[in-house]
Amino acid sequence: MKKITLTALLPLALLSASSAFAGTQTCAMKIDAIQRQMDEARQQGNVHQAAGLQTALTQTKAHCTDAGQAERAERKVRSAQEDVRRSQEDVRRAEQNLRDARARNDEGKISKHQEKLSEKQRRLREKQDDLRRTRSDRTALNH
Protein backbone atom coordinates (compact mmCIF):
# COMPACT_ATOMS: atom_id res chain seq x y z
CA MET A 1 0.00 0.00 0.00
CA LYS A 2 2.80 2.40 0.93
CA LYS A 3 4.52 1.84 -2.41
CA ILE A 4 1.30 2.51 -4.33
CA THR A 5 0.69 5.74 -2.40
CA LEU A 6 4.23 6.97 -2.99
CA THR A 7 4.03 6.10 -6.66
CA ALA A 8 0.78 8.03 -6.93
CA LEU A 9 2.10 11.08 -5.08
CA LEU A 10 5.38 11.49 -6.96
CA PRO A 11 3.77 12.61 -10.25
CA LEU A 12 1.60 15.05 -8.32
CA ALA A 13 4.66 16.61 -6.73
CA LEU A 14 6.33 16.91 -10.11
CA LEU A 15 3.21 18.35 -11.68
CA SER A 16 2.67 20.95 -8.98
CA ALA A 17 6.27 22.03 -9.05
CA SER A 18 6.75 22.11 -12.79
CA SER A 19 3.48 23.46 -14.13
CA ALA A 20 1.87 25.49 -11.36
CA PHE A 21 3.65 28.62 -12.47
CA ALA A 22 4.26 27.78 -16.11
CA GLY A 23 4.01 30.87 -18.22
CA THR A 24 3.65 33.32 -15.34
CA GLN A 25 7.11 33.31 -13.80
CA THR A 26 10.64 33.69 -15.06
CA CYS A 27 12.76 30.57 -14.88
CA ALA A 28 14.66 31.98 -11.90
CA MET A 29 11.39 32.54 -10.05
CA LYS A 30 10.20 29.05 -10.95
CA ILE A 31 13.46 27.50 -9.73
CA ASP A 32 13.25 29.46 -6.47
CA ALA A 33 9.66 28.28 -5.92
CA ILE A 34 10.61 24.64 -6.47
CA GLN A 35 13.63 25.04 -4.18
CA ARG A 36 11.42 26.46 -1.41
CA GLN A 37 8.96 23.58 -1.80
CA MET A 38 11.83 21.12 -1.71
CA ASP A 39 13.31 22.70 1.44
CA GLU A 40 9.89 22.56 3.11
CA ALA A 41 9.45 18.90 2.16
CA ARG A 42 12.86 18.08 3.61
CA GLN A 43 12.09 19.98 6.82
CA GLN A 44 8.90 17.94 7.18
CA GLY A 45 10.82 14.73 6.58
CA ASN A 46 9.00 13.98 3.33
CA VAL A 47 11.92 12.47 1.44
CA HIS A 48 9.81 11.16 -1.44
CA GLN A 49 8.26 14.56 -2.13
CA ALA A 50 11.70 16.16 -1.85
CA ALA A 51 13.06 13.62 -4.35
CA GLY A 52 10.24 14.39 -6.77
CA LEU A 53 10.85 18.10 -6.39
CA GLN A 54 14.58 17.52 -6.96
CA THR A 55 13.68 15.88 -10.26
CA ALA A 56 11.43 18.82 -11.12
CA LEU A 57 14.22 21.23 -10.22
CA THR A 58 16.72 19.38 -12.40
CA GLN A 59 14.26 19.33 -15.31
CA THR A 60 13.43 23.00 -14.87
CA LYS A 61 17.09 23.99 -14.82
CA ALA A 62 17.72 21.90 -17.93
CA HIS A 63 14.72 22.95 -20.00
CA CYS A 64 13.25 26.21 -18.77
CA THR A 65 13.92 29.34 -20.80
CA ASP A 66 12.49 32.78 -20.21
CA ALA A 67 11.52 32.87 -23.89
CA GLY A 68 9.58 29.64 -23.39
CA GLN A 69 7.88 31.07 -20.32
CA ALA A 70 6.96 34.20 -22.30
CA GLU A 71 5.50 32.05 -25.09
CA ARG A 72 3.41 30.08 -22.57
CA ALA A 73 2.15 33.35 -21.09
CA GLU A 74 1.24 34.55 -24.58
CA ARG A 75 -0.65 31.30 -25.28
CA LYS A 76 -2.55 31.74 -22.01
CA VAL A 77 -3.56 35.26 -23.07
CA ARG A 78 -4.74 34.04 -26.49
CA SER A 79 -6.72 31.24 -24.85
CA ALA A 80 -8.31 33.68 -22.37
CA GLN A 81 -9.18 36.02 -25.26
CA GLU A 82 -10.92 33.14 -27.04
CA ASP A 83 -12.81 32.27 -23.84
CA VAL A 84 -14.02 35.88 -23.60
CA ARG A 85 -15.07 35.87 -27.26
CA ARG A 86 -17.08 32.66 -26.77
CA SER A 87 -18.71 34.05 -23.62
CA GLN A 88 -19.64 37.23 -25.47
CA GLU A 89 -21.34 35.10 -28.14
CA ASP A 90 -23.21 33.22 -25.41
CA VAL A 91 -24.42 36.53 -23.94
CA ARG A 92 -25.56 37.75 -27.37
CA ARG A 93 -27.52 34.53 -27.95
CA ALA A 94 -29.08 34.75 -24.47
CA GLU A 95 -30.05 38.38 -25.12
CA GLN A 96 -31.66 37.39 -28.41
CA ASN A 97 -33.57 34.56 -26.74
CA LEU A 98 -34.84 36.99 -24.11
CA ARG A 99 -35.90 39.49 -26.80
CA ASP A 100 -37.76 36.71 -28.61
CA ALA A 101 -39.56 35.65 -25.42
CA ARG A 102 -40.52 39.27 -24.72
CA ALA A 103 -41.82 39.66 -28.28
CA ARG A 104 -44.05 36.62 -27.70
CA ASN A 105 -45.00 38.03 -24.28
CA ASP A 106 -44.32 34.59 -22.74
CA GLU A 107 -43.79 35.32 -19.03
CA GLY A 108 -42.48 31.83 -18.23
CA LYS A 109 -39.91 31.98 -20.99
CA ILE A 110 -39.01 35.58 -20.15
CA SER A 111 -38.13 34.58 -16.60
CA LYS A 112 -36.19 31.53 -17.77
CA HIS A 113 -34.22 33.50 -20.36
CA GLN A 114 -33.57 36.34 -17.91
CA GLU A 115 -31.96 33.84 -15.52
CA LYS A 116 -29.90 32.32 -18.32
CA LEU A 117 -28.78 35.77 -19.43
CA SER A 118 -27.72 36.67 -15.90
CA GLU A 119 -25.69 33.45 -15.67
CA LYS A 120 -24.04 34.06 -19.07
CA GLN A 121 -23.17 37.63 -18.02
CA ARG A 122 -21.63 36.34 -14.76
CA ARG A 123 -19.52 33.85 -16.71
CA LEU A 124 -18.43 36.58 -19.10
CA ARG A 125 -17.27 38.75 -16.19
CA GLU A 126 -15.28 35.78 -14.84
CA LYS A 127 -13.66 35.21 -18.23
CA GLN A 128 -12.84 38.93 -18.52
CA ASP A 129 -11.25 38.83 -15.05
CA ASP A 130 -9.21 35.79 -16.11
CA LEU A 131 -8.08 37.65 -19.22
CA ARG A 132 -7.02 40.67 -17.16
CA ARG A 133 -5.00 38.41 -14.84
CA THR A 134 -3.29 36.57 -17.69
CA ARG A 135 -2.40 39.87 -19.37
CA SER A 136 -1.03 41.15 -16.08
CA ASP A 137 1.02 37.96 -15.65
CA ARG A 138 2.36 38.29 -19.19
CA THR A 139 3.29 41.94 -18.61
CA ALA A 140 5.02 41.13 -15.33
CA LEU A 141 6.94 38.31 -17.00
CA ASN A 142 8.19 40.60 -19.76
CA HIS A 143 9.49 43.25 -17.39
Foldseek 3Di string as FASTA:
>chain_A
DVVVVLVVVLVVLLCCLQPVCQLQAALVVSLVVLVVVLVVCVVVVNVSSNVSSVVSNVCSVVDGHLVRSLVVLVVQLVVLVVQLVVLVVQLVVLVVQLVVCVVVPPVVSNVVSVVSNVVSVVSNVVSVVSNVVSVVSSVVSVD
